[in-house]
């Protein structure tokens, strides 16, 4: 096994918890299955590997948190737990990797959740999609890349009344029953969100 293949194997160990479990269960079988040198596999400290993998996920989650403040507010304490579940099956790549991670996480939340969390994720995905397009590459784990959009984009969507409370926390008016309608406009790399 060449050095580049060993690097790929280690990268997958950092990213995939099932892969780490397989290594922990039987190192010799793991080495045979992936044609890895037994001495390299024996030298891996699994506890340190788990610690490093957890720190990578925390770092990714904190970068995504900066891009998705509404979603983080809506998800509350579940944000990091949901992100860890998502991160176990996906990897961001490319120049805009944090945005790719955020967009892919929004897709995940929209599919796995309902209500306010899904609405907040959909809102922020639409905001980011005004200037970026997220592309998923086939494979395990799934790799996501974000590319800049070249053409103007206009979208309109309706969201639950609860999202208005997150967007306008200081508003005293009772808008609890009014659905939020938002217009997302992106022209020439500049994005604008109008909502009512």
N, C-alpha and C. Protein backbone atom coordinates (compact mmCIF):
# COMPACT_ATOMS: atom_id res chain seq x y z
N UNK A 1 0.85 -1.17 0.00
CA UNK A 1 0.00 0.00 0.00
C UNK A 1 0.89 1.24 0.00
N UNK A 2 0.62 2.16 -0.91
CA UNK A 2 1.43 3.37 -1.04
C UNK A 2 1.00 4.41 -0.02
N UNK A 3 1.86 5.42 0.17
CA UNK A 3 1.61 6.46 1.16
C UNK A 3 0.29 7.19 0.89
N UNK A 4 -0.02 7.44 -0.37
CA UNK A 4 -1.27 8.13 -0.72
C UNK A 4 -2.49 7.30 -0.31
N UNK A 5 -2.41 5.99 -0.50
CA UNK A 5 -3.52 5.11 -0.10
C UNK A 5 -3.67 5.05 1.41
N UNK A 6 -2.55 5.08 2.13
CA UNK A 6 -2.60 5.11 3.59
C UNK A 6 -3.23 6.42 4.07
N UNK A 7 -2.89 7.54 3.40
CA UNK A 7 -3.51 8.83 3.75
C UNK A 7 -5.01 8.79 3.55
N UNK A 8 -5.48 8.18 2.46
CA UNK A 8 -6.91 8.06 2.20
C UNK A 8 -7.59 7.20 3.26
N UNK A 9 -6.93 6.13 3.65
CA UNK A 9 -7.46 5.25 4.68
C UNK A 9 -7.59 5.99 6.02
N UNK A 10 -6.56 6.76 6.39
CA UNK A 10 -6.60 7.54 7.62
C UNK A 10 -7.68 8.62 7.57
N UNK A 11 -7.81 9.26 6.42
CA UNK A 11 -8.86 10.29 6.26
C UNK A 11 -10.24 9.67 6.45
N UNK A 12 -10.43 8.49 5.90
CA UNK A 12 -11.74 7.84 6.07
C UNK A 12 -11.95 7.44 7.53
N UNK A 13 -10.89 7.04 8.21
CA UNK A 13 -11.00 6.71 9.63
C UNK A 13 -11.40 7.95 10.45
N UNK A 14 -10.88 9.11 10.08
CA UNK A 14 -11.24 10.34 10.78
C UNK A 14 -12.70 10.70 10.56
N UNK A 15 -13.22 10.38 9.39
CA UNK A 15 -14.56 10.85 9.00
C UNK A 15 -15.69 9.86 9.26
N UNK A 16 -15.41 8.58 9.25
CA UNK A 16 -16.48 7.58 9.27
C UNK A 16 -16.47 6.78 10.57
N UNK A 17 -17.47 6.97 11.44
CA UNK A 17 -17.50 6.24 12.71
C UNK A 17 -17.65 4.73 12.54
N UNK A 18 -18.33 4.29 11.48
CA UNK A 18 -18.46 2.83 11.24
C UNK A 18 -17.11 2.22 10.90
N UNK A 19 -16.32 2.97 10.17
CA UNK A 19 -14.98 2.54 9.79
C UNK A 19 -14.11 2.39 11.04
N UNK A 20 -14.23 3.36 11.95
CA UNK A 20 -13.46 3.30 13.20
C UNK A 20 -13.91 2.12 14.05
N UNK A 21 -15.21 1.84 14.08
CA UNK A 21 -15.72 0.69 14.83
C UNK A 21 -15.18 -0.62 14.28
N UNK A 22 -15.08 -0.69 12.97
CA UNK A 22 -14.53 -1.88 12.32
C UNK A 22 -13.07 -2.07 12.72
N UNK A 23 -12.31 -0.98 12.76
CA UNK A 23 -10.91 -1.05 13.18
C UNK A 23 -10.81 -1.49 14.63
N UNK A 24 -11.65 -0.92 15.48
CA UNK A 24 -11.61 -1.24 16.90
C UNK A 24 -11.97 -2.71 17.16
N UNK A 25 -12.91 -3.25 16.37
CA UNK A 25 -13.38 -4.62 16.58
C UNK A 25 -12.30 -5.66 16.28
N UNK A 26 -11.57 -5.48 15.17
CA UNK A 26 -10.56 -6.48 14.80
C UNK A 26 -9.53 -5.84 13.87
N UNK A 27 -8.39 -5.48 14.43
CA UNK A 27 -7.34 -4.81 13.66
C UNK A 27 -6.77 -5.68 12.54
N UNK A 28 -6.58 -6.95 12.82
CA UNK A 28 -5.99 -7.84 11.81
C UNK A 28 -6.92 -8.01 10.62
N UNK A 29 -8.21 -8.22 10.88
CA UNK A 29 -9.19 -8.36 9.79
C UNK A 29 -9.30 -7.04 9.01
N UNK A 30 -9.21 -5.93 9.72
CA UNK A 30 -9.26 -4.61 9.08
C UNK A 30 -8.08 -4.46 8.12
N UNK A 31 -6.88 -4.82 8.58
CA UNK A 31 -5.67 -4.71 7.75
C UNK A 31 -5.79 -5.59 6.51
N UNK A 32 -6.30 -6.81 6.69
CA UNK A 32 -6.46 -7.71 5.53
C UNK A 32 -7.50 -7.17 4.55
N UNK A 33 -8.62 -6.74 5.09
CA UNK A 33 -9.73 -6.29 4.22
C UNK A 33 -9.33 -5.10 3.36
N UNK A 34 -8.56 -4.16 3.91
CA UNK A 34 -8.20 -2.94 3.18
C UNK A 34 -6.75 -2.97 2.68
N UNK A 35 -6.13 -4.14 2.70
CA UNK A 35 -4.77 -4.33 2.20
C UNK A 35 -3.79 -3.31 2.79
N UNK A 36 -3.95 -3.08 4.07
CA UNK A 36 -3.09 -2.12 4.76
C UNK A 36 -2.00 -2.87 5.51
N UNK A 37 -0.81 -2.27 5.60
CA UNK A 37 0.26 -2.91 6.36
C UNK A 37 -0.15 -3.09 7.83
N UNK A 38 0.04 -4.29 8.34
CA UNK A 38 -0.37 -4.61 9.72
C UNK A 38 0.34 -3.73 10.74
N UNK A 39 1.62 -3.37 10.48
CA UNK A 39 2.36 -2.54 11.43
C UNK A 39 1.77 -1.12 11.50
N UNK A 40 1.29 -0.62 10.37
CA UNK A 40 0.66 0.71 10.35
C UNK A 40 -0.64 0.68 11.14
N UNK A 41 -1.46 -0.34 10.90
CA UNK A 41 -2.74 -0.48 11.60
C UNK A 41 -2.51 -0.69 13.09
N UNK A 42 -1.52 -1.48 13.45
CA UNK A 42 -1.23 -1.74 14.87
C UNK A 42 -0.77 -0.47 15.59
N UNK A 43 -0.14 0.45 14.85
CA UNK A 43 0.39 1.67 15.47
C UNK A 43 -0.69 2.73 15.72
N UNK A 44 -1.87 2.53 15.19
CA UNK A 44 -2.94 3.54 15.35
C UNK A 44 -3.51 3.46 16.75
N UNK A 45 -3.50 4.59 17.44
CA UNK A 45 -4.11 4.71 18.76
C UNK A 45 -5.58 5.08 18.52
N UNK A 46 -6.49 4.13 18.73
CA UNK A 46 -7.90 4.33 18.41
C UNK A 46 -8.53 5.41 19.27
N UNK A 47 -8.13 5.50 20.53
CA UNK A 47 -8.69 6.55 21.39
C UNK A 47 -8.29 7.93 20.90
N UNK A 48 -7.04 8.08 20.50
CA UNK A 48 -6.58 9.36 19.97
C UNK A 48 -7.27 9.64 18.62
N UNK A 49 -7.48 8.61 17.83
CA UNK A 49 -8.19 8.74 16.57
C UNK A 49 -9.62 9.25 16.81
N UNK A 50 -10.30 8.68 17.81
CA UNK A 50 -11.66 9.12 18.16
C UNK A 50 -11.66 10.58 18.63
N UNK A 51 -10.68 10.95 19.44
CA UNK A 51 -10.57 12.32 19.93
C UNK A 51 -10.38 13.29 18.77
N UNK A 52 -9.49 12.94 17.85
CA UNK A 52 -9.22 13.82 16.70
C UNK A 52 -10.45 13.92 15.80
N UNK A 53 -11.14 12.80 15.57
CA UNK A 53 -12.35 12.80 14.75
C UNK A 53 -13.42 13.70 15.37
N UNK A 54 -13.59 13.61 16.68
CA UNK A 54 -14.58 14.45 17.37
C UNK A 54 -14.20 15.94 17.27
N UNK A 55 -12.92 16.25 17.35
CA UNK A 55 -12.50 17.65 17.25
C UNK A 55 -12.72 18.19 15.83
N UNK A 56 -12.54 17.35 14.82
CA UNK A 56 -12.82 17.77 13.44
C UNK A 56 -14.31 18.07 13.25
N UNK A 57 -15.16 17.24 13.82
CA UNK A 57 -16.60 17.45 13.71
C UNK A 57 -17.00 18.72 14.45
N UNK A 58 -16.43 18.96 15.62
CA UNK A 58 -16.73 20.19 16.36
C UNK A 58 -16.31 21.42 15.57
N UNK A 59 -15.14 21.35 14.95
CA UNK A 59 -14.66 22.48 14.15
C UNK A 59 -15.60 22.74 12.97
N UNK A 60 -15.99 21.69 12.27
CA UNK A 60 -16.94 21.84 11.16
C UNK A 60 -18.26 22.42 11.65
N UNK A 61 -18.77 21.90 12.77
CA UNK A 61 -20.05 22.38 13.31
C UNK A 61 -19.97 23.87 13.66
N UNK A 62 -18.86 24.30 14.23
CA UNK A 62 -18.72 25.71 14.60
C UNK A 62 -18.66 26.61 13.37
N UNK A 63 -18.03 26.14 12.29
CA UNK A 63 -18.01 26.93 11.05
C UNK A 63 -19.41 27.01 10.44
N UNK A 64 -20.14 25.91 10.46
CA UNK A 64 -21.50 25.90 9.93
C UNK A 64 -22.42 26.76 10.80
N UNK A 65 -22.21 26.72 12.10
CA UNK A 65 -23.00 27.52 13.03
C UNK A 65 -22.94 29.01 12.68
N UNK A 66 -21.76 29.49 12.25
CA UNK A 66 -21.61 30.90 11.86
C UNK A 66 -22.47 31.24 10.64
N UNK A 67 -22.67 30.27 9.75
CA UNK A 67 -23.44 30.51 8.53
C UNK A 67 -24.94 30.27 8.72
N UNK A 68 -25.32 29.56 9.79
CA UNK A 68 -26.72 29.19 10.00
C UNK A 68 -27.22 29.59 11.39
N UNK A 69 -27.19 30.87 11.72
CA UNK A 69 -27.61 31.26 13.07
C UNK A 69 -29.09 30.99 13.35
N UNK A 70 -29.97 31.15 12.37
CA UNK A 70 -31.40 30.89 12.58
C UNK A 70 -31.65 29.41 12.84
N UNK A 71 -30.98 28.58 12.08
CA UNK A 71 -31.13 27.14 12.24
C UNK A 71 -30.62 26.71 13.61
N UNK A 72 -29.50 27.28 14.02
CA UNK A 72 -28.95 26.96 15.34
C UNK A 72 -29.92 27.37 16.44
N UNK A 73 -30.53 28.53 16.29
CA UNK A 73 -31.51 28.98 17.28
C UNK A 73 -32.71 28.05 17.32
N UNK A 74 -33.20 27.69 16.14
CA UNK A 74 -34.37 26.80 16.06
C UNK A 74 -34.06 25.42 16.62
N UNK A 75 -32.87 24.90 16.34
CA UNK A 75 -32.51 23.55 16.79
C UNK A 75 -32.10 23.54 18.27
N UNK A 76 -31.62 24.65 18.76
CA UNK A 76 -31.21 24.73 20.17
C UNK A 76 -30.10 23.75 20.50
N UNK A 77 -30.27 23.01 21.59
CA UNK A 77 -29.25 22.07 22.05
C UNK A 77 -29.05 20.90 21.09
N UNK A 78 -29.99 20.65 20.20
CA UNK A 78 -29.90 19.52 19.26
C UNK A 78 -28.97 19.82 18.08
N UNK A 79 -28.56 21.07 17.89
CA UNK A 79 -27.78 21.45 16.72
C UNK A 79 -26.52 20.58 16.57
N UNK A 80 -25.71 20.52 17.62
CA UNK A 80 -24.44 19.78 17.52
C UNK A 80 -24.68 18.28 17.37
N UNK A 81 -25.69 17.76 18.03
CA UNK A 81 -26.02 16.33 17.89
C UNK A 81 -26.43 16.02 16.45
N UNK A 82 -27.32 16.84 15.89
CA UNK A 82 -27.77 16.64 14.50
C UNK A 82 -26.60 16.77 13.54
N UNK A 83 -25.72 17.74 13.80
CA UNK A 83 -24.57 17.93 12.91
C UNK A 83 -23.64 16.72 12.97
N UNK A 84 -23.42 16.16 14.13
CA UNK A 84 -22.56 14.98 14.26
C UNK A 84 -23.13 13.80 13.46
N UNK A 85 -24.44 13.62 13.51
CA UNK A 85 -25.08 12.56 12.72
C UNK A 85 -24.88 12.81 11.22
N UNK A 86 -25.06 14.06 10.81
CA UNK A 86 -24.88 14.43 9.41
C UNK A 86 -23.42 14.25 8.98
N UNK A 87 -22.50 14.72 9.80
CA UNK A 87 -21.07 14.70 9.45
C UNK A 87 -20.52 13.29 9.29
N UNK A 88 -21.17 12.31 9.90
CA UNK A 88 -20.70 10.92 9.80
C UNK A 88 -20.84 10.38 8.39
N UNK A 89 -21.64 11.01 7.56
CA UNK A 89 -21.88 10.48 6.21
C UNK A 89 -21.50 11.46 5.11
N UNK A 90 -20.91 12.59 5.45
CA UNK A 90 -20.63 13.59 4.43
C UNK A 90 -19.30 14.31 4.68
N UNK A 91 -18.76 14.86 3.59
CA UNK A 91 -17.50 15.58 3.66
C UNK A 91 -17.60 16.81 2.74
N UNK A 92 -17.27 18.00 3.25
CA UNK A 92 -17.25 19.16 2.36
C UNK A 92 -15.91 19.22 1.63
N UNK A 93 -15.90 19.81 0.47
CA UNK A 93 -14.66 19.91 -0.29
C UNK A 93 -14.64 21.23 -1.07
N UNK A 94 -13.45 21.61 -1.49
CA UNK A 94 -13.31 22.78 -2.35
C UNK A 94 -13.12 24.08 -1.59
N UNK A 95 -13.06 25.14 -2.36
CA UNK A 95 -12.79 26.47 -1.83
C UNK A 95 -13.88 26.95 -0.86
N UNK A 96 -15.14 26.72 -1.20
CA UNK A 96 -16.27 27.14 -0.36
C UNK A 96 -16.77 25.98 0.51
N UNK A 97 -15.87 25.24 1.12
CA UNK A 97 -16.28 24.02 1.82
C UNK A 97 -17.19 24.28 3.02
N UNK A 98 -17.03 25.40 3.71
CA UNK A 98 -17.91 25.67 4.85
C UNK A 98 -19.34 25.94 4.37
N UNK A 99 -19.45 26.67 3.27
CA UNK A 99 -20.77 26.93 2.69
C UNK A 99 -21.38 25.63 2.15
N UNK A 100 -20.55 24.78 1.54
CA UNK A 100 -21.04 23.49 1.06
C UNK A 100 -21.54 22.65 2.22
N UNK A 101 -20.80 22.66 3.32
CA UNK A 101 -21.21 21.93 4.52
C UNK A 101 -22.55 22.48 5.04
N UNK A 102 -22.67 23.80 5.08
CA UNK A 102 -23.90 24.42 5.58
C UNK A 102 -25.10 24.09 4.68
N UNK A 103 -24.91 24.18 3.38
CA UNK A 103 -26.01 23.87 2.45
C UNK A 103 -26.42 22.40 2.54
N UNK A 104 -25.45 21.52 2.59
CA UNK A 104 -25.76 20.09 2.68
C UNK A 104 -26.43 19.78 4.02
N UNK A 105 -26.00 20.43 5.08
CA UNK A 105 -26.62 20.23 6.40
C UNK A 105 -28.07 20.73 6.39
N UNK A 106 -28.31 21.84 5.72
CA UNK A 106 -29.68 22.35 5.59
C UNK A 106 -30.56 21.34 4.87
N UNK A 107 -30.05 20.74 3.80
CA UNK A 107 -30.80 19.70 3.09
C UNK A 107 -31.12 18.54 4.03
N UNK A 108 -30.11 18.12 4.77
CA UNK A 108 -30.27 17.02 5.72
C UNK A 108 -31.34 17.35 6.75
N UNK A 109 -31.26 18.54 7.35
CA UNK A 109 -32.24 18.93 8.37
C UNK A 109 -33.64 19.02 7.81
N UNK A 110 -33.77 19.52 6.59
CA UNK A 110 -35.09 19.63 5.96
C UNK A 110 -35.72 18.26 5.75
N UNK A 111 -34.89 17.26 5.49
CA UNK A 111 -35.40 15.90 5.27
C UNK A 111 -35.64 15.15 6.58
N UNK A 112 -34.79 15.38 7.57
CA UNK A 112 -34.84 14.61 8.81
C UNK A 112 -35.72 15.23 9.90
N UNK A 113 -36.10 16.48 9.74
CA UNK A 113 -36.86 17.19 10.76
C UNK A 113 -38.13 17.78 10.17
N UNK A 114 -38.97 18.26 11.03
CA UNK A 114 -40.19 18.94 10.61
C UNK A 114 -40.32 20.22 11.44
N UNK A 115 -41.25 21.05 11.08
CA UNK A 115 -41.54 22.23 11.86
C UNK A 115 -40.51 23.32 11.73
N UNK A 116 -40.25 23.98 12.84
CA UNK A 116 -39.41 25.17 12.86
C UNK A 116 -37.97 24.89 12.44
N UNK A 117 -37.40 23.78 12.85
CA UNK A 117 -36.01 23.47 12.48
C UNK A 117 -35.90 23.31 10.96
N UNK A 118 -36.83 22.58 10.36
CA UNK A 118 -36.82 22.39 8.91
C UNK A 118 -37.05 23.72 8.19
N UNK A 119 -37.96 24.55 8.71
CA UNK A 119 -38.22 25.86 8.10
C UNK A 119 -36.99 26.77 8.17
N UNK A 120 -36.34 26.82 9.32
CA UNK A 120 -35.14 27.65 9.47
C UNK A 120 -34.04 27.17 8.53
N UNK A 121 -33.86 25.86 8.42
CA UNK A 121 -32.85 25.30 7.52
C UNK A 121 -33.17 25.64 6.07
N UNK A 122 -34.44 25.51 5.71
CA UNK A 122 -34.85 25.83 4.33
C UNK A 122 -34.64 27.32 4.03
N UNK A 123 -34.98 28.19 4.99
CA UNK A 123 -34.80 29.64 4.83
C UNK A 123 -33.32 29.96 4.59
N UNK A 124 -32.46 29.43 5.44
CA UNK A 124 -31.03 29.76 5.30
C UNK A 124 -30.41 29.11 4.08
N UNK A 125 -30.90 27.95 3.69
CA UNK A 125 -30.41 27.34 2.44
C UNK A 125 -30.77 28.22 1.26
N UNK A 126 -31.99 28.73 1.25
CA UNK A 126 -32.40 29.60 0.14
C UNK A 126 -31.57 30.88 0.12
N UNK A 127 -31.23 31.39 1.29
CA UNK A 127 -30.37 32.59 1.36
C UNK A 127 -28.99 32.29 0.78
N UNK A 128 -28.40 31.17 1.17
CA UNK A 128 -27.07 30.81 0.65
C UNK A 128 -27.11 30.43 -0.83
N UNK A 129 -28.20 29.80 -1.26
CA UNK A 129 -28.31 29.37 -2.65
C UNK A 129 -28.47 30.54 -3.62
N UNK A 130 -28.69 31.73 -3.10
CA UNK A 130 -28.74 32.90 -3.97
C UNK A 130 -27.42 33.13 -4.67
N UNK A 131 -26.33 32.79 -4.01
CA UNK A 131 -25.01 33.00 -4.62
C UNK A 131 -24.20 31.73 -4.81
N UNK A 132 -24.64 30.63 -4.20
CA UNK A 132 -23.89 29.37 -4.29
C UNK A 132 -24.80 28.22 -4.69
N UNK A 133 -24.21 27.25 -5.35
CA UNK A 133 -24.92 26.03 -5.72
C UNK A 133 -24.16 24.86 -5.09
N UNK A 134 -24.89 24.00 -4.39
CA UNK A 134 -24.27 22.84 -3.74
C UNK A 134 -24.42 21.61 -4.63
N UNK A 135 -23.30 20.97 -4.90
CA UNK A 135 -23.29 19.78 -5.75
C UNK A 135 -22.77 18.60 -4.94
N UNK A 136 -23.53 17.51 -4.97
CA UNK A 136 -23.12 16.29 -4.27
C UNK A 136 -22.43 15.35 -5.25
N UNK A 137 -21.29 14.84 -4.85
CA UNK A 137 -20.57 13.86 -5.65
C UNK A 137 -20.90 12.48 -5.12
N UNK A 138 -21.08 11.51 -6.01
CA UNK A 138 -21.41 10.16 -5.53
C UNK A 138 -20.23 9.54 -4.76
N UNK A 139 -20.56 8.67 -3.87
CA UNK A 139 -19.53 7.97 -3.12
C UNK A 139 -19.88 7.86 -1.66
N UNK A 140 -19.03 7.17 -0.94
CA UNK A 140 -19.22 6.95 0.49
C UNK A 140 -17.93 7.34 1.19
N UNK A 141 -17.87 8.33 2.04
CA UNK A 141 -18.95 9.25 2.38
C UNK A 141 -19.23 10.21 1.22
N UNK A 142 -20.37 10.87 1.26
CA UNK A 142 -20.76 11.76 0.19
C UNK A 142 -19.98 13.07 0.31
N UNK A 143 -19.46 13.53 -0.82
CA UNK A 143 -18.66 14.75 -0.87
C UNK A 143 -19.53 15.87 -1.46
N UNK A 144 -19.53 17.03 -0.80
CA UNK A 144 -20.29 18.19 -1.26
C UNK A 144 -19.35 19.32 -1.62
N UNK A 145 -19.64 20.00 -2.72
CA UNK A 145 -18.89 21.18 -3.14
C UNK A 145 -19.86 22.31 -3.40
N UNK A 146 -19.44 23.53 -3.12
CA UNK A 146 -20.27 24.71 -3.40
C UNK A 146 -19.58 25.52 -4.50
N UNK A 147 -20.35 25.86 -5.51
CA UNK A 147 -19.85 26.65 -6.64
C UNK A 147 -20.63 27.96 -6.70
N UNK A 148 -19.97 29.02 -7.12
CA UNK A 148 -20.64 30.31 -7.27
C UNK A 148 -21.63 30.25 -8.43
N UNK A 149 -22.78 30.87 -8.21
CA UNK A 149 -23.78 30.98 -9.28
C UNK A 149 -23.39 32.14 -10.19
N UNK A 150 -23.68 31.99 -11.46
CA UNK A 150 -23.32 33.03 -12.42
C UNK A 150 -24.51 33.85 -12.88
N UNK A 151 -25.70 33.38 -12.60
CA UNK A 151 -26.89 34.04 -13.11
C UNK A 151 -27.74 34.56 -11.96
N UNK A 152 -28.53 35.59 -12.22
CA UNK A 152 -29.43 36.09 -11.17
C UNK A 152 -30.40 35.00 -10.71
N UNK A 153 -30.80 35.11 -9.46
CA UNK A 153 -31.71 34.10 -8.91
C UNK A 153 -32.75 34.81 -8.05
N UNK A 154 -34.00 34.48 -8.31
CA UNK A 154 -35.11 35.04 -7.53
C UNK A 154 -36.00 33.88 -7.11
N UNK A 155 -36.26 33.80 -5.80
CA UNK A 155 -37.14 32.75 -5.27
C UNK A 155 -38.05 33.34 -4.21
N UNK A 156 -39.23 32.78 -4.12
CA UNK A 156 -40.17 33.19 -3.09
C UNK A 156 -40.64 31.94 -2.37
N UNK A 157 -40.80 32.03 -1.06
CA UNK A 157 -41.21 30.87 -0.27
C UNK A 157 -41.99 31.33 0.95
N UNK A 158 -42.80 30.43 1.47
CA UNK A 158 -43.56 30.69 2.70
C UNK A 158 -43.03 29.79 3.81
N UNK A 159 -43.02 30.34 5.02
CA UNK A 159 -42.48 29.64 6.17
C UNK A 159 -43.46 29.74 7.34
N UNK A 160 -43.24 28.91 8.34
CA UNK A 160 -44.12 28.88 9.51
C UNK A 160 -44.04 30.19 10.29
N UNK A 161 -45.09 30.53 11.02
CA UNK A 161 -45.08 31.76 11.83
C UNK A 161 -43.96 31.79 12.87
N UNK A 162 -43.53 30.64 13.35
CA UNK A 162 -42.48 30.59 14.37
C UNK A 162 -41.16 31.16 13.88
N UNK A 163 -40.90 31.10 12.58
CA UNK A 163 -39.65 31.62 12.04
C UNK A 163 -39.59 33.14 12.18
N UNK A 164 -40.74 33.79 12.08
CA UNK A 164 -40.79 35.25 12.25
C UNK A 164 -40.29 35.63 13.64
N UNK A 165 -40.61 34.83 14.66
CA UNK A 165 -40.17 35.13 16.03
C UNK A 165 -38.65 35.05 16.16
N UNK A 166 -38.02 34.16 15.39
CA UNK A 166 -36.56 34.06 15.42
C UNK A 166 -35.94 35.22 14.66
N UNK A 167 -36.53 35.59 13.52
CA UNK A 167 -36.01 36.69 12.72
C UNK A 167 -36.20 38.04 13.40
N UNK A 168 -37.31 38.21 14.09
CA UNK A 168 -37.65 39.48 14.72
C UNK A 168 -37.94 39.26 16.22
N UNK A 169 -36.92 38.92 17.02
CA UNK A 169 -37.16 38.59 18.42
C UNK A 169 -37.67 39.76 19.26
N UNK A 170 -37.36 41.00 18.86
CA UNK A 170 -37.74 42.17 19.66
C UNK A 170 -39.09 42.75 19.28
N UNK A 171 -39.74 42.18 18.28
CA UNK A 171 -41.02 42.72 17.83
C UNK A 171 -42.10 42.43 18.87
N UNK A 172 -42.86 43.45 19.20
CA UNK A 172 -43.91 43.32 20.20
C UNK A 172 -45.25 42.91 19.61
N UNK A 173 -45.41 43.05 18.29
CA UNK A 173 -46.69 42.72 17.68
C UNK A 173 -46.92 41.22 17.68
N UNK A 174 -48.17 40.83 17.77
CA UNK A 174 -48.52 39.41 17.76
C UNK A 174 -48.64 38.93 16.32
N UNK A 175 -47.59 38.31 15.84
CA UNK A 175 -47.61 37.79 14.48
C UNK A 175 -47.54 36.28 14.51
N UNK A 176 -47.97 35.70 15.62
CA UNK A 176 -47.83 34.26 15.81
C UNK A 176 -48.66 33.44 14.83
N UNK A 177 -49.71 34.04 14.27
CA UNK A 177 -50.54 33.27 13.35
C UNK A 177 -50.26 33.59 11.89
N UNK A 178 -49.44 34.60 11.64
CA UNK A 178 -49.13 34.99 10.25
C UNK A 178 -47.94 34.20 9.73
N UNK A 179 -48.13 33.54 8.61
CA UNK A 179 -47.02 32.84 7.97
C UNK A 179 -46.06 33.87 7.39
N UNK A 180 -44.79 33.51 7.34
CA UNK A 180 -43.76 34.40 6.81
C UNK A 180 -43.58 34.11 5.32
N UNK A 181 -43.67 35.14 4.51
CA UNK A 181 -43.39 35.01 3.08
C UNK A 181 -42.10 35.76 2.82
N UNK A 182 -41.15 35.12 2.14
CA UNK A 182 -39.84 35.74 1.90
C UNK A 182 -39.51 35.70 0.41
N UNK A 183 -38.92 36.78 -0.04
CA UNK A 183 -38.46 36.89 -1.42
C UNK A 183 -36.93 36.95 -1.37
N UNK A 184 -36.28 36.01 -2.02
CA UNK A 184 -34.82 35.93 -2.04
C UNK A 184 -34.36 36.40 -3.42
N UNK A 185 -33.55 37.44 -3.45
CA UNK A 185 -33.08 38.02 -4.71
C UNK A 185 -31.56 38.06 -4.67
N UNK A 186 -30.93 37.51 -5.69
CA UNK A 186 -29.47 37.56 -5.80
C UNK A 186 -29.10 37.96 -7.22
N UNK A 187 -28.42 39.09 -7.35
CA UNK A 187 -27.99 39.59 -8.66
C UNK A 187 -26.54 40.02 -8.54
N UNK A 188 -25.71 39.48 -9.40
CA UNK A 188 -24.30 39.89 -9.42
C UNK A 188 -23.54 39.63 -8.14
N UNK A 189 -23.86 38.55 -7.45
CA UNK A 189 -23.14 38.18 -6.24
C UNK A 189 -23.64 38.89 -4.99
N UNK A 190 -24.59 39.81 -5.15
CA UNK A 190 -25.15 40.51 -4.00
C UNK A 190 -26.52 39.91 -3.71
N UNK A 191 -26.74 39.52 -2.48
CA UNK A 191 -28.01 38.90 -2.12
C UNK A 191 -28.84 39.81 -1.24
N UNK A 192 -30.13 39.74 -1.41
CA UNK A 192 -31.07 40.54 -0.62
C UNK A 192 -32.25 39.65 -0.26
N UNK A 193 -32.72 39.77 0.98
CA UNK A 193 -33.90 39.02 1.41
C UNK A 193 -34.95 40.02 1.85
N UNK A 194 -36.11 39.93 1.26
CA UNK A 194 -37.22 40.78 1.65
C UNK A 194 -38.28 39.85 2.20
N UNK A 195 -38.81 40.14 3.38
CA UNK A 195 -39.87 39.28 3.92
C UNK A 195 -40.97 40.12 4.53
N UNK A 196 -42.15 39.53 4.52
CA UNK A 196 -43.33 40.19 5.08
C UNK A 196 -44.30 39.19 5.62
